[in-house]
Amino acid sequence: MNAVVYEVSADVDAAIREDYLRWLGPHVAEILALPGFARADVFEVVDPASPDTLRVCMHYHLVDEAALQAYLREHAPRLRADGIARFGGRMRAQRRVMRALDLAR
């Protein structure tokens, strides 16, 4: 069973920083309550910095790729739509999936 990390990076207009961060906490908690999610790490990107943009990066740790596929199929469309409805073009997200390498073989 290979754990995976689902990374979501968001660039948020600085003018809505506080509104976005108030929304982000419950949003992450909702995701963590879903099956297959083990934990989340949330970071503010400080380098490269941008005075006009809040950059955040979330690492969602899932138990396996099947849990990620279930999330993408059953929950992601609704959760993504919520962010778009709230923030529109003032928040831009990118996503990627990573799998840990076992280098101690």
PDB file of N, CA and C in Angstrom:
ATOM      1  N   MET A   1       0.841  -1.175   0.000  1.00  0.00           N
ATOM      2  CA  MET A   1       0.000   0.000   0.000  1.00  0.00           C
ATOM      3  C   MET A   1       0.889   1.242   0.000  1.00  0.00           C
ATOM      4  N   ASN A   2       0.804   2.055  -1.045  1.00  0.00           N
ATOM      5  CA  ASN A   2       1.622   3.254  -1.159  1.00  0.00           C
ATOM      6  C   ASN A   2       0.830   4.492  -0.790  1.00  0.00           C
ATOM      7  N   ALA A   3       1.283   5.183   0.245  1.00  0.00           N
ATOM      8  CA  ALA A   3       0.668   6.449   0.617  1.00  0.00           C
ATOM      9  C   ALA A   3       0.946   7.466  -0.480  1.00  0.00           C
ATOM     10  N   VAL A   4       0.015   8.398  -0.642  1.00  0.00           N
ATOM     11  CA  VAL A   4       0.176   9.448  -1.633  1.00  0.00           C
ATOM     12  C   VAL A   4      -0.067  10.804  -0.971  1.00  0.00           C
ATOM     13  N   VAL A   5       0.498  11.818  -1.583  1.00  0.00           N
ATOM     14  CA  VAL A   5       0.257  13.200  -1.171  1.00  0.00           C
ATOM     15  C   VAL A   5      -0.425  13.906  -2.327  1.00  0.00           C
ATOM     16  N   TYR A   6      -1.559  14.497  -2.020  1.00  0.00           N
ATOM     17  CA  TYR A   6      -2.311  15.301  -2.981  1.00  0.00           C
ATOM     18  C   TYR A   6      -2.025  16.745  -2.612  1.00  0.00           C
ATOM     19  N   GLU A   7      -1.346  17.448  -3.506  1.00  0.00           N
ATOM     20  CA  GLU A   7      -0.936  18.829  -3.245  1.00  0.00           C
ATOM     21  C   GLU A   7      -1.857  19.784  -3.980  1.00  0.00           C
ATOM     22  N   VAL A   8      -2.339  20.776  -3.249  1.00  0.00           N
ATOM     23  CA  VAL A   8      -3.130  21.843  -3.840  1.00  0.00           C
ATOM     24  C   VAL A   8      -2.423  23.150  -3.510  1.00  0.00           C
ATOM     25  N   SER A   9      -2.042  23.895  -4.539  1.00  0.00           N
ATOM     26  CA  SER A   9      -1.433  25.211  -4.367  1.00  0.00           C
ATOM     27  C   SER A   9      -2.426  26.250  -4.852  1.00  0.00           C
ATOM     28  N   ALA A  10      -2.547  27.331  -4.092  1.00  0.00           N
ATOM     29  CA  ALA A  10      -3.491  28.380  -4.472  1.00  0.00           C
ATOM     30  C   ALA A  10      -2.821  29.736  -4.389  1.00  0.00           C
ATOM     31  N   ASP A  11      -3.055  30.535  -5.400  1.00  0.00           N
ATOM     32  CA  ASP A  11      -2.686  31.942  -5.398  1.00  0.00           C
ATOM     33  C   ASP A  11      -3.964  32.729  -5.187  1.00  0.00           C
ATOM     34  N   VAL A  12      -3.978  33.546  -4.132  1.00  0.00           N
ATOM     35  CA  VAL A  12      -5.170  34.261  -3.717  1.00  0.00           C
ATOM     36  C   VAL A  12      -4.867  35.755  -3.719  1.00  0.00           C
ATOM     37  N   ASP A  13      -5.752  36.541  -4.306  1.00  0.00           N
ATOM     38  CA  ASP A  13      -5.559  37.989  -4.283  1.00  0.00           C
ATOM     39  C   ASP A  13      -5.413  38.459  -2.842  1.00  0.00           C
ATOM     40  N   ALA A  14      -4.419  39.292  -2.577  1.00  0.00           N
ATOM     41  CA  ALA A  14      -4.144  39.760  -1.219  1.00  0.00           C
ATOM     42  C   ALA A  14      -5.355  40.453  -0.595  1.00  0.00           C
ATOM     43  N   ALA A  15      -6.185  41.068  -1.406  1.00  0.00           N
ATOM     44  CA  ALA A  15      -7.346  41.800  -0.888  1.00  0.00           C
ATOM     45  C   ALA A  15      -8.358  40.888  -0.195  1.00  0.00           C
ATOM     46  N   ILE A  16      -8.352  39.599  -0.509  1.00  0.00           N
ATOM     47  CA  ILE A  16      -9.307  38.678   0.119  1.00  0.00           C
ATOM     48  C   ILE A  16      -8.606  37.683   1.049  1.00  0.00           C
ATOM     49  N   ARG A  17      -7.391  37.989   1.426  1.00  0.00           N
ATOM     50  CA  ARG A  17      -6.577  37.097   2.265  1.00  0.00           C
ATOM     51  C   ARG A  17      -7.347  36.596   3.486  1.00  0.00           C
ATOM     52  N   GLU A  18      -7.885  37.502   4.299  1.00  0.00           N
ATOM     53  CA  GLU A  18      -8.540  37.114   5.547  1.00  0.00           C
ATOM     54  C   GLU A  18      -9.785  36.270   5.284  1.00  0.00           C
ATOM     55  N   ASP A  19     -10.596  36.648   4.291  1.00  0.00           N
ATOM     56  CA  ASP A  19     -11.780  35.850   3.949  1.00  0.00           C
ATOM     57  C   ASP A  19     -11.380  34.446   3.513  1.00  0.00           C
ATOM     58  N   TYR A  20     -10.340  34.349   2.704  1.00  0.00           N
ATOM     59  CA  TYR A  20      -9.888  33.052   2.223  1.00  0.00           C
ATOM     60  C   TYR A  20      -9.397  32.178   3.381  1.00  0.00           C
ATOM     61  N   LEU A  21      -8.592  32.749   4.266  1.00  0.00           N
ATOM     62  CA  LEU A  21      -8.061  31.965   5.378  1.00  0.00           C
ATOM     63  C   LEU A  21      -9.175  31.526   6.336  1.00  0.00           C
ATOM     64  N   ARG A  22     -10.201  32.360   6.545  1.00  0.00           N
ATOM     65  CA  ARG A  22     -11.339  31.955   7.378  1.00  0.00           C
ATOM     66  C   ARG A  22     -12.080  30.777   6.750  1.00  0.00           C
ATOM     67  N   TRP A  23     -12.161  30.763   5.432  1.00  0.00           N
ATOM     68  CA  TRP A  23     -12.811  29.669   4.714  1.00  0.00           C
ATOM     69  C   TRP A  23     -11.932  28.418   4.692  1.00  0.00           C
ATOM     70  N   LEU A  24     -10.624  28.607   4.570  1.00  0.00           N
ATOM     71  CA  LEU A  24      -9.704  27.492   4.366  1.00  0.00           C
ATOM     72  C   LEU A  24      -9.687  26.518   5.548  1.00  0.00           C
ATOM     73  N   GLY A  25      -9.705  27.001   6.761  1.00  0.00           N
ATOM     74  CA  GLY A  25      -9.665  26.107   7.924  1.00  0.00           C
ATOM     75  C   GLY A  25     -10.790  25.081   7.910  1.00  0.00           C
ATOM     76  N   PRO A  26     -12.059  25.520   7.840  1.00  0.00           N
ATOM     77  CA  PRO A  26     -13.156  24.547   7.766  1.00  0.00           C
ATOM     78  C   PRO A  26     -13.118  23.685   6.499  1.00  0.00           C
ATOM     79  N   HIS A  27     -12.632  24.246   5.397  1.00  0.00           N
ATOM     80  CA  HIS A  27     -12.522  23.487   4.149  1.00  0.00           C
ATOM     81  C   HIS A  27     -11.559  22.313   4.331  1.00  0.00           C
ATOM     82  N   VAL A  28     -10.394  22.567   4.913  1.00  0.00           N
ATOM     83  CA  VAL A  28      -9.415  21.503   5.157  1.00  0.00           C
ATOM     84  C   VAL A  28      -9.996  20.484   6.131  1.00  0.00           C
ATOM     85  N   ALA A  29     -10.675  20.946   7.176  1.00  0.00           N
ATOM     86  CA  ALA A  29     -11.279  20.028   8.150  1.00  0.00           C
ATOM     87  C   ALA A  29     -12.314  19.124   7.486  1.00  0.00           C
ATOM     88  N   GLU A  30     -13.097  19.677   6.557  1.00  0.00           N
ATOM     89  CA  GLU A  30     -14.091  18.875   5.838  1.00  0.00           C
ATOM     90  C   GLU A  30     -13.422  17.782   5.016  1.00  0.00           C
ATOM     91  N   ILE A  31     -12.330  18.126   4.368  1.00  0.00           N
ATOM     92  CA  ILE A  31     -11.602  17.137   3.574  1.00  0.00           C
ATOM     93  C   ILE A  31     -11.010  16.051   4.478  1.00  0.00           C
ATOM     94  N   LEU A  32     -10.437  16.450   5.610  1.00  0.00           N
ATOM     95  CA  LEU A  32      -9.832  15.469   6.510  1.00  0.00           C
ATOM     96  C   LEU A  32     -10.849  14.508   7.100  1.00  0.00           C
ATOM     97  N   ALA A  33     -12.104  14.893   7.125  1.00  0.00           N
ATOM     98  CA  ALA A  33     -13.151  14.002   7.649  1.00  0.00           C
ATOM     99  C   ALA A  33     -13.549  12.926   6.646  1.00  0.00           C
ATOM    100  N   LEU A  34     -13.073  13.031   5.410  1.00  0.00           N
ATOM    101  CA  LEU A  34     -13.423  12.065   4.374  1.00  0.00           C
ATOM    102  C   LEU A  34     -12.581  10.796   4.527  1.00  0.00           C
ATOM    103  N   PRO A  35     -13.121   9.657   4.075  1.00  0.00           N
ATOM    104  CA  PRO A  35     -12.370   8.396   4.173  1.00  0.00           C
ATOM    105  C   PRO A  35     -11.050   8.455   3.409  1.00  0.00           C
ATOM    106  N   GLY A  36     -10.006   7.914   4.021  1.00  0.00           N
ATOM    107  CA  GLY A  36      -8.719   7.782   3.350  1.00  0.00           C
ATOM    108  C   GLY A  36      -7.746   8.917   3.596  1.00  0.00           C
ATOM    109  N   PHE A  37      -8.204  10.016   4.195  1.00  0.00           N
ATOM    110  CA  PHE A  37      -7.306  11.133   4.480  1.00  0.00           C
ATOM    111  C   PHE A  37      -6.699  10.943   5.865  1.00  0.00           C
ATOM    112  N   ALA A  38      -5.367  11.001   5.954  1.00  0.00           N
ATOM    113  CA  ALA A  38      -4.669  10.788   7.216  1.00  0.00           C
ATOM    114  C   ALA A  38      -4.325  12.096   7.915  1.00  0.00           C
ATOM    115  N   ARG A  39      -3.897  13.085   7.147  1.00  0.00           N
ATOM    116  CA  ARG A  39      -3.543  14.384   7.731  1.00  0.00           C
ATOM    117  C   ARG A  39      -3.363  15.395   6.612  1.00  0.00           C
ATOM    118  N   ALA A  40      -3.252  16.657   7.014  1.00  0.00           N
ATOM    119  CA  ALA A  40      -2.980  17.733   6.056  1.00  0.00           C
ATOM    120  C   ALA A  40      -1.958  18.678   6.662  1.00  0.00           C
ATOM    121  N   ASP A  41      -1.068  19.157   5.835  1.00  0.00           N
ATOM    122  CA  ASP A  41      -0.121  20.206   6.210  1.00  0.00           C
ATOM    123  C   ASP A  41      -0.450  21.405   5.334  1.00  0.00           C
ATOM    124  N   VAL A  42      -0.595  22.571   5.961  1.00  0.00           N
ATOM    125  CA  VAL A  42      -0.949  23.786   5.234  1.00  0.00           C
ATOM    126  C   VAL A  42       0.184  24.781   5.409  1.00  0.00           C
ATOM    127  N   PHE A  43       0.672  25.301   4.297  1.00  0.00           N
ATOM    128  CA  PHE A  43       1.817  26.204   4.309  1.00  0.00           C
ATOM    129  C   PHE A  43       1.472  27.517   3.617  1.00  0.00           C
ATOM    130  N   GLU A  44       2.057  28.596   4.101  1.00  0.00           N
ATOM    131  CA  GLU A  44       2.088  29.833   3.332  1.00  0.00           C
ATOM    132  C   GLU A  44       3.418  29.838   2.600  1.00  0.00           C
ATOM    133  N   VAL A  45       3.391  30.051   1.302  1.00  0.00           N
ATOM    134  CA  VAL A  45       4.614  30.093   0.500  1.00  0.00           C
ATOM    135  C   VAL A  45       5.233  31.478   0.686  1.00  0.00           C
ATOM    136  N   VAL A  46       6.448  31.507   1.217  1.00  0.00           N
ATOM    137  CA  VAL A  46       7.107  32.790   1.479  1.00  0.00           C
ATOM    138  C   VAL A  46       8.208  33.099   0.466  1.00  0.00           C
ATOM    139  N   ASP A  47       8.598  32.117  -0.309  1.00  0.00           N
ATOM    140  CA  ASP A  47       9.611  32.333  -1.334  1.00  0.00           C
ATOM    141  C   ASP A  47       9.256  31.466  -2.535  1.00  0.00           C
ATOM    142  N   PRO A  48       8.921  32.026  -3.646  1.00  0.00           N
ATOM    143  CA  PRO A  48       8.958  33.458  -3.952  1.00  0.00           C
ATOM    144  C   PRO A  48       7.758  34.186  -3.352  1.00  0.00           C
ATOM    145  N   ALA A  49       8.014  35.370  -2.868  1.00  0.00           N
ATOM    146  CA  ALA A  49       6.974  36.195  -2.260  1.00  0.00           C
ATOM    147  C   ALA A  49       6.344  37.106  -3.306  1.00  0.00           C
ATOM    148  N   SER A  50       5.111  37.476  -3.048  1.00  0.00           N
ATOM    149  CA  SER A  50       4.415  38.427  -3.909  1.00  0.00           C
ATOM    150  C   SER A  50       3.549  39.317  -3.020  1.00  0.00           C
ATOM    151  N   PRO A  51       3.739  40.633  -3.077  1.00  0.00           N
ATOM    152  CA  PRO A  51       2.946  41.519  -2.224  1.00  0.00           C
ATOM    153  C   PRO A  51       1.462  41.541  -2.595  1.00  0.00           C
ATOM    154  N   ASP A  52       1.128  41.147  -3.807  1.00  0.00           N
ATOM    155  CA  ASP A  52      -0.253  41.199  -4.275  1.00  0.00           C
ATOM    156  C   ASP A  52      -0.990  39.876  -4.124  1.00  0.00           C
ATOM    157  N   THR A  53      -0.276  38.842  -3.663  1.00  0.00           N
ATOM    158  CA  THR A  53      -0.852  37.503  -3.669  1.00  0.00           C
ATOM    159  C   THR A  53      -0.489  36.750  -2.400  1.00  0.00           C
ATOM    160  N   LEU A  54      -1.490  36.092  -1.818  1.00  0.00           N
ATOM    161  CA  LEU A  54      -1.249  35.098  -0.779  1.00  0.00           C
ATOM    162  C   LEU A  54      -1.061  33.772  -1.496  1.00  0.00           C
ATOM    163  N   ARG A  55       0.044  33.112  -1.220  1.00  0.00           N
ATOM    164  CA  ARG A  55       0.276  31.794  -1.802  1.00  0.00           C
ATOM    165  C   ARG A  55       0.225  30.764  -0.691  1.00  0.00           C
ATOM    166  N   VAL A  56      -0.624  29.778  -0.873  1.00  0.00           N
ATOM    167  CA  VAL A  56      -0.730  28.702   0.106  1.00  0.00           C
ATOM    168  C   VAL A  56      -0.563  27.370  -0.607  1.00  0.00           C
ATOM    169  N   CYS A  57      -0.083  26.390   0.152  1.00  0.00           N
ATOM    170  CA  CYS A  57       0.124  25.054  -0.396  1.00  0.00           C
ATOM    171  C   CYS A  57      -0.327  24.049   0.655  1.00  0.00           C
ATOM    172  N   MET A  58      -1.250  23.191   0.276  1.00  0.00           N
ATOM    173  CA  MET A  58      -1.760  22.163   1.160  1.00  0.00           C
ATOM    174  C   MET A  58      -1.256  20.810   0.692  1.00  0.00           C
ATOM    175  N   HIS A  59      -0.744  20.022   1.633  1.00  0.00           N
ATOM    176  CA  HIS A  59      -0.360  18.638   1.362  1.00  0.00           C
ATOM    177  C   HIS A  59      -1.342  17.751   2.112  1.00  0.00           C
ATOM    178  N   TYR A  60      -2.185  17.074   1.361  1.00  0.00           N
ATOM    179  CA  TYR A  60      -3.142  16.136   1.938  1.00  0.00           C
ATOM    180  C   TYR A  60      -2.544  14.735   1.826  1.00  0.00           C
ATOM    181  N   HIS A  61      -2.361  14.075   2.955  1.00  0.00           N
ATOM    182  CA  HIS A  61      -1.780  12.737   2.995  1.00  0.00           C
ATOM    183  C   HIS A  61      -2.911  11.715   3.009  1.00  0.00           C
ATOM    184  N   LEU A  62      -2.906  10.848   2.007  1.00  0.00           N
ATOM    185  CA  LEU A  62      -3.930   9.811   1.886  1.00  0.00           C
ATOM    186  C   LEU A  62      -3.306   8.442   2.058  1.00  0.00           C
ATOM    187  N   VAL A  63      -4.129   7.491   2.472  1.00  0.00           N
ATOM    188  CA  VAL A  63      -3.607   6.152   2.744  1.00  0.00           C
ATOM    189  C   VAL A  63      -3.170   5.424   1.477  1.00  0.00           C
ATOM    190  N   ASP A  64      -3.832   5.700   0.356  1.00  0.00           N
ATOM    191  CA  ASP A  64      -3.442   5.043  -0.897  1.00  0.00           C
ATOM    192  C   ASP A  64      -4.087   5.759  -2.087  1.00  0.00           C
ATOM    193  N   GLU A  65      -3.718   5.306  -3.271  1.00  0.00           N
ATOM    194  CA  GLU A  65      -4.230   5.935  -4.490  1.00  0.00           C
ATOM    195  C   GLU A  65      -5.719   5.677  -4.686  1.00  0.00           C
ATOM    196  N   ALA A  66      -6.216   4.548  -4.194  1.00  0.00           N
ATOM    197  CA  ALA A  66      -7.652   4.274  -4.299  1.00  0.00           C
ATOM    198  C   ALA A  66      -8.456   5.314  -3.522  1.00  0.00           C
ATOM    199  N   ALA A  67      -7.952   5.726  -2.350  1.00  0.00           N
ATOM    200  CA  ALA A  67      -8.636   6.765  -1.568  1.00  0.00           C
ATOM    201  C   ALA A  67      -8.632   8.085  -2.327  1.00  0.00           C
ATOM    202  N   LEU A  68      -7.532   8.401  -2.989  1.00  0.00           N
ATOM    203  CA  LEU A  68      -7.474   9.633  -3.780  1.00  0.00           C
ATOM    204  C   LEU A  68      -8.465   9.569  -4.934  1.00  0.00           C
ATOM    205  N   GLN A  69      -8.510   8.454  -5.638  1.00  0.00           N
ATOM    206  CA  GLN A  69      -9.436   8.327  -6.763  1.00  0.00           C
ATOM    207  C   GLN A  69     -10.886   8.455  -6.303  1.00  0.00           C
ATOM    208  N   ALA A  70     -11.209   7.875  -5.143  1.00  0.00           N
ATOM    209  CA  ALA A  70     -12.569   7.999  -4.601  1.00  0.00           C
ATOM    210  C   ALA A  70     -12.875   9.461  -4.280  1.00  0.00           C
ATOM    211  N   TYR A  71     -11.916  10.168  -3.686  1.00  0.00           N
ATOM    212  CA  TYR A  71     -12.108  11.596  -3.396  1.00  0.00           C
ATOM    213  C   TYR A  71     -12.337  12.383  -4.680  1.00  0.00           C
ATOM    214  N   LEU A  72     -11.485  12.173  -5.674  1.00  0.00           N
ATOM    215  CA  LEU A  72     -11.602  12.924  -6.930  1.00  0.00           C
ATOM    216  C   LEU A  72     -12.940  12.663  -7.620  1.00  0.00           C
ATOM    217  N   ARG A  73     -13.423  11.462  -7.521  1.00  0.00           N
ATOM    218  CA  ARG A  73     -14.678  11.076  -8.168  1.00  0.00           C
ATOM    219  C   ARG A  73     -15.907  11.550  -7.382  1.00  0.00           C
ATOM    220  N   GLU A  74     -15.878  11.404  -6.058  1.00  0.00           N
ATOM    221  CA  GLU A  74     -17.084  11.582  -5.254  1.00  0.00           C
ATOM    222  C   GLU A  74     -17.193  12.921  -4.527  1.00  0.00           C
ATOM    223  N   HIS A  75     -16.073  13.607  -4.299  1.00  0.00           N
ATOM    224  CA  HIS A  75     -16.122  14.805  -3.467  1.00  0.00           C
ATOM    225  C   HIS A  75     -15.488  16.044  -4.097  1.00  0.00           C
ATOM    226  N   ALA A  76     -14.436  15.864  -4.877  1.00  0.00           N
ATOM    227  CA  ALA A  76     -13.698  17.003  -5.409  1.00  0.00           C
ATOM    228  C   ALA A  76     -14.557  17.969  -6.226  1.00  0.00           C
ATOM    229  N   PRO A  77     -15.443  17.498  -7.094  1.00  0.00           N
ATOM    230  CA  PRO A  77     -16.221  18.466  -7.882  1.00  0.00           C
ATOM    231  C   PRO A  77     -17.025  19.443  -7.013  1.00  0.00           C
ATOM    232  N   ARG A  78     -17.652  18.943  -5.960  1.00  0.00           N
ATOM    233  CA  ARG A  78     -18.449  19.797  -5.067  1.00  0.00           C
ATOM    234  C   ARG A  78     -17.551  20.767  -4.291  1.00  0.00           C
ATOM    235  N   LEU A  79     -16.437  20.275  -3.768  1.00  0.00           N
ATOM    236  CA  LEU A  79     -15.553  21.125  -2.980  1.00  0.00           C
ATOM    237  C   LEU A  79     -14.879  22.186  -3.842  1.00  0.00           C
ATOM    238  N   ARG A  80     -14.484  21.829  -5.040  1.00  0.00           N
ATOM    239  CA  ARG A  80     -13.889  22.808  -5.955  1.00  0.00           C
ATOM    240  C   ARG A  80     -14.912  23.865  -6.346  1.00  0.00           C
ATOM    241  N   ALA A  81     -16.141  23.443  -6.605  1.00  0.00           N
ATOM    242  CA  ALA A  81     -17.207  24.385  -6.992  1.00  0.00           C
ATOM    243  C   ALA A  81     -17.472  25.389  -5.884  1.00  0.00           C
ATOM    244  N   ASP A  82     -17.375  24.947  -4.632  1.00  0.00           N
ATOM    245  CA  ASP A  82     -17.575  25.859  -3.508  1.00  0.00           C
ATOM    246  C   ASP A  82     -16.523  26.964  -3.514  1.00  0.00           C
ATOM    247  N   GLY A  83     -15.267  26.613  -3.702  1.00  0.00           N
ATOM    248  CA  GLY A  83     -14.197  27.615  -3.760  1.00  0.00           C
ATOM    249  C   GLY A  83     -14.384  28.583  -4.910  1.00  0.00           C
ATOM    250  N   ILE A  84     -14.778  28.065  -6.063  1.00  0.00           N
ATOM    251  CA  ILE A  84     -14.999  28.925  -7.233  1.00  0.00           C
ATOM    252  C   ILE A  84     -16.173  29.864  -6.991  1.00  0.00           C
ATOM    253  N   ALA A  85     -17.253  29.349  -6.390  1.00  0.00           N
ATOM    254  CA  ALA A  85     -18.427  30.187  -6.117  1.00  0.00           C
ATOM    255  C   ALA A  85     -18.080  31.304  -5.135  1.00  0.00           C
ATOM    256  N   ARG A  86     -17.242  31.021  -4.165  1.00  0.00           N
ATOM    257  CA  ARG A  86     -16.897  32.019  -3.150  1.00  0.00           C
ATOM    258  C   ARG A  86     -15.887  33.039  -3.647  1.00  0.00           C
ATOM    259  N   PHE A  87     -14.892  32.590  -4.404  1.00  0.00           N
ATOM    260  CA  PHE A  87     -13.758  33.454  -4.713  1.00  0.00           C
ATOM    261  C   PHE A  87     -13.549  33.718  -6.197  1.00  0.00           C
ATOM    262  N   GLY A  88     -14.207  32.962  -7.057  1.00  0.00           N
ATOM    263  CA  GLY A  88     -14.106  33.191  -8.501  1.00  0.00           C
ATOM    264  C   GLY A  88     -12.674  33.292  -8.972  1.00  0.00           C
ATOM    265  N   GLY A  89     -12.416  34.272  -9.806  1.00  0.00           N
ATOM    266  CA  GLY A  89     -11.092  34.461 -10.382  1.00  0.00           C
ATOM    267  C   GLY A  89     -10.083  35.078  -9.431  1.00  0.00           C
ATOM    268  N   ARG A  90     -10.484  35.313  -8.186  1.00  0.00           N
ATOM    269  CA  ARG A  90      -9.563  35.904  -7.209  1.00  0.00           C
ATOM    270  C   ARG A  90      -8.732  34.839  -6.504  1.00  0.00           C
ATOM    271  N   MET A  91      -8.982  33.568  -6.855  1.00  0.00           N
ATOM    272  CA  MET A  91      -8.225  32.443  -6.320  1.00  0.00           C
ATOM    273  C   MET A  91      -7.979  31.473  -7.480  1.00  0.00           C
ATOM    274  N   ARG A  92      -6.717  31.114  -7.658  1.00  0.00           N
ATOM    275  CA  ARG A  92      -6.344  30.202  -8.728  1.00  0.00           C
ATOM    276  C   ARG A  92      -5.619  29.011  -8.106  1.00  0.00           C
ATOM    277  N   ALA A  93      -6.080  27.812  -8.424  1.00  0.00           N
ATOM    278  CA  ALA A  93      -5.509  26.614  -7.801  1.00  0.00           C
ATOM    279  C   ALA A  93      -4.833  25.728  -8.836  1.00  0.00           C
ATOM    280  N   GLN A  94      -3.797  25.061  -8.379  1.00  0.00           N
ATOM    281  CA  GLN A  94      -3.108  24.034  -9.166  1.00  0.00           C
ATOM    282  C   GLN A  94      -2.993  22.802  -8.283  1.00  0.00           C
ATOM    283  N   ARG A  95      -2.996  21.649  -8.908  1.00  0.00           N
ATOM    284  CA  ARG A  95      -2.968  20.400  -8.144  1.00  0.00           C
ATOM    285  C   ARG A  95      -1.950  19.443  -8.745  1.00  0.00           C
ATOM    286  N   ARG A  96      -1.393  18.610  -7.872  1.00  0.00           N
ATOM    287  CA  ARG A  96      -0.546  17.509  -8.336  1.00  0.00           C
ATOM    288  C   ARG A  96      -0.567  16.404  -7.300  1.00  0.00           C
ATOM    289  N   VAL A  97      -0.186  15.215  -7.744  1.00  0.00           N
ATOM    290  CA  VAL A  97      -0.186  14.023  -6.893  1.00  0.00           C
ATOM    291  C   VAL A  97       1.241  13.510  -6.813  1.00  0.00           C
ATOM    292  N   MET A  98       1.665  13.161  -5.597  1.00  0.00           N
ATOM    293  CA  MET A  98       3.015  12.649  -5.378  1.00  0.00           C
ATOM    294  C   MET A  98       2.964  11.338  -4.612  1.00  0.00           C
ATOM    295  N   ARG A  99       3.878  10.478  -4.920  1.00  0.00           N
ATOM    296  CA  ARG A  99       4.015   9.194  -4.230  1.00  0.00           C
ATOM    297  C   ARG A  99       5.430   9.148  -3.629  1.00  0.00           C
ATOM    298  N   ALA A 100       5.542   8.717  -2.390  1.00  0.00           N
ATOM    299  CA  ALA A 100       6.838   8.637  -1.727  1.00  0.00           C
ATOM    300  C   ALA A 100       7.708   7.566  -2.363  1.00  0.00           C
ATOM    301  N   LEU A 101       8.978   7.846  -2.458  1.00  0.00           N
ATOM    302  CA  LEU A 101       9.944   6.860  -2.943  1.00  0.00           C
ATOM    303  C   LEU A 101      10.604   6.185  -1.737  1.00  0.00           C
ATOM    304  N   ASP A 102      10.798   4.894  -1.837  1.00  0.00           N
ATOM    305  CA  ASP A 102      11.505   4.158  -0.802  1.00  0.00           C
ATOM    306  C   ASP A 102      12.965   4.044  -1.231  1.00  0.00           C
ATOM    307  N   LEU A 103      13.788   4.937  -0.722  1.00  0.00           N
ATOM    308  CA  LEU A 103      15.199   4.966  -1.121  1.00  0.00           C
ATOM    309  C   LEU A 103      16.091   4.130  -0.196  1.00  0.00           C
ATOM    310  N   ALA A 104      15.510   3.510   0.807  1.00  0.00           N
ATOM    311  CA  ALA A 104      16.291   2.723   1.767  1.00  0.00           C
ATOM    312  C   ALA A 104      16.366   1.249   1.363  1.00  0.00           C
ATOM    313  N   ARG A 105      16.109   0.943   0.130  1.00  0.00           N
ATOM    314  CA  ARG A 105      16.127  -0.471  -0.312  1.00  0.00           C
ATOM    315  C   ARG A 105      17.522  -0.999  -0.403  1.00  0.00           C
TER     316      ARG A 105
END
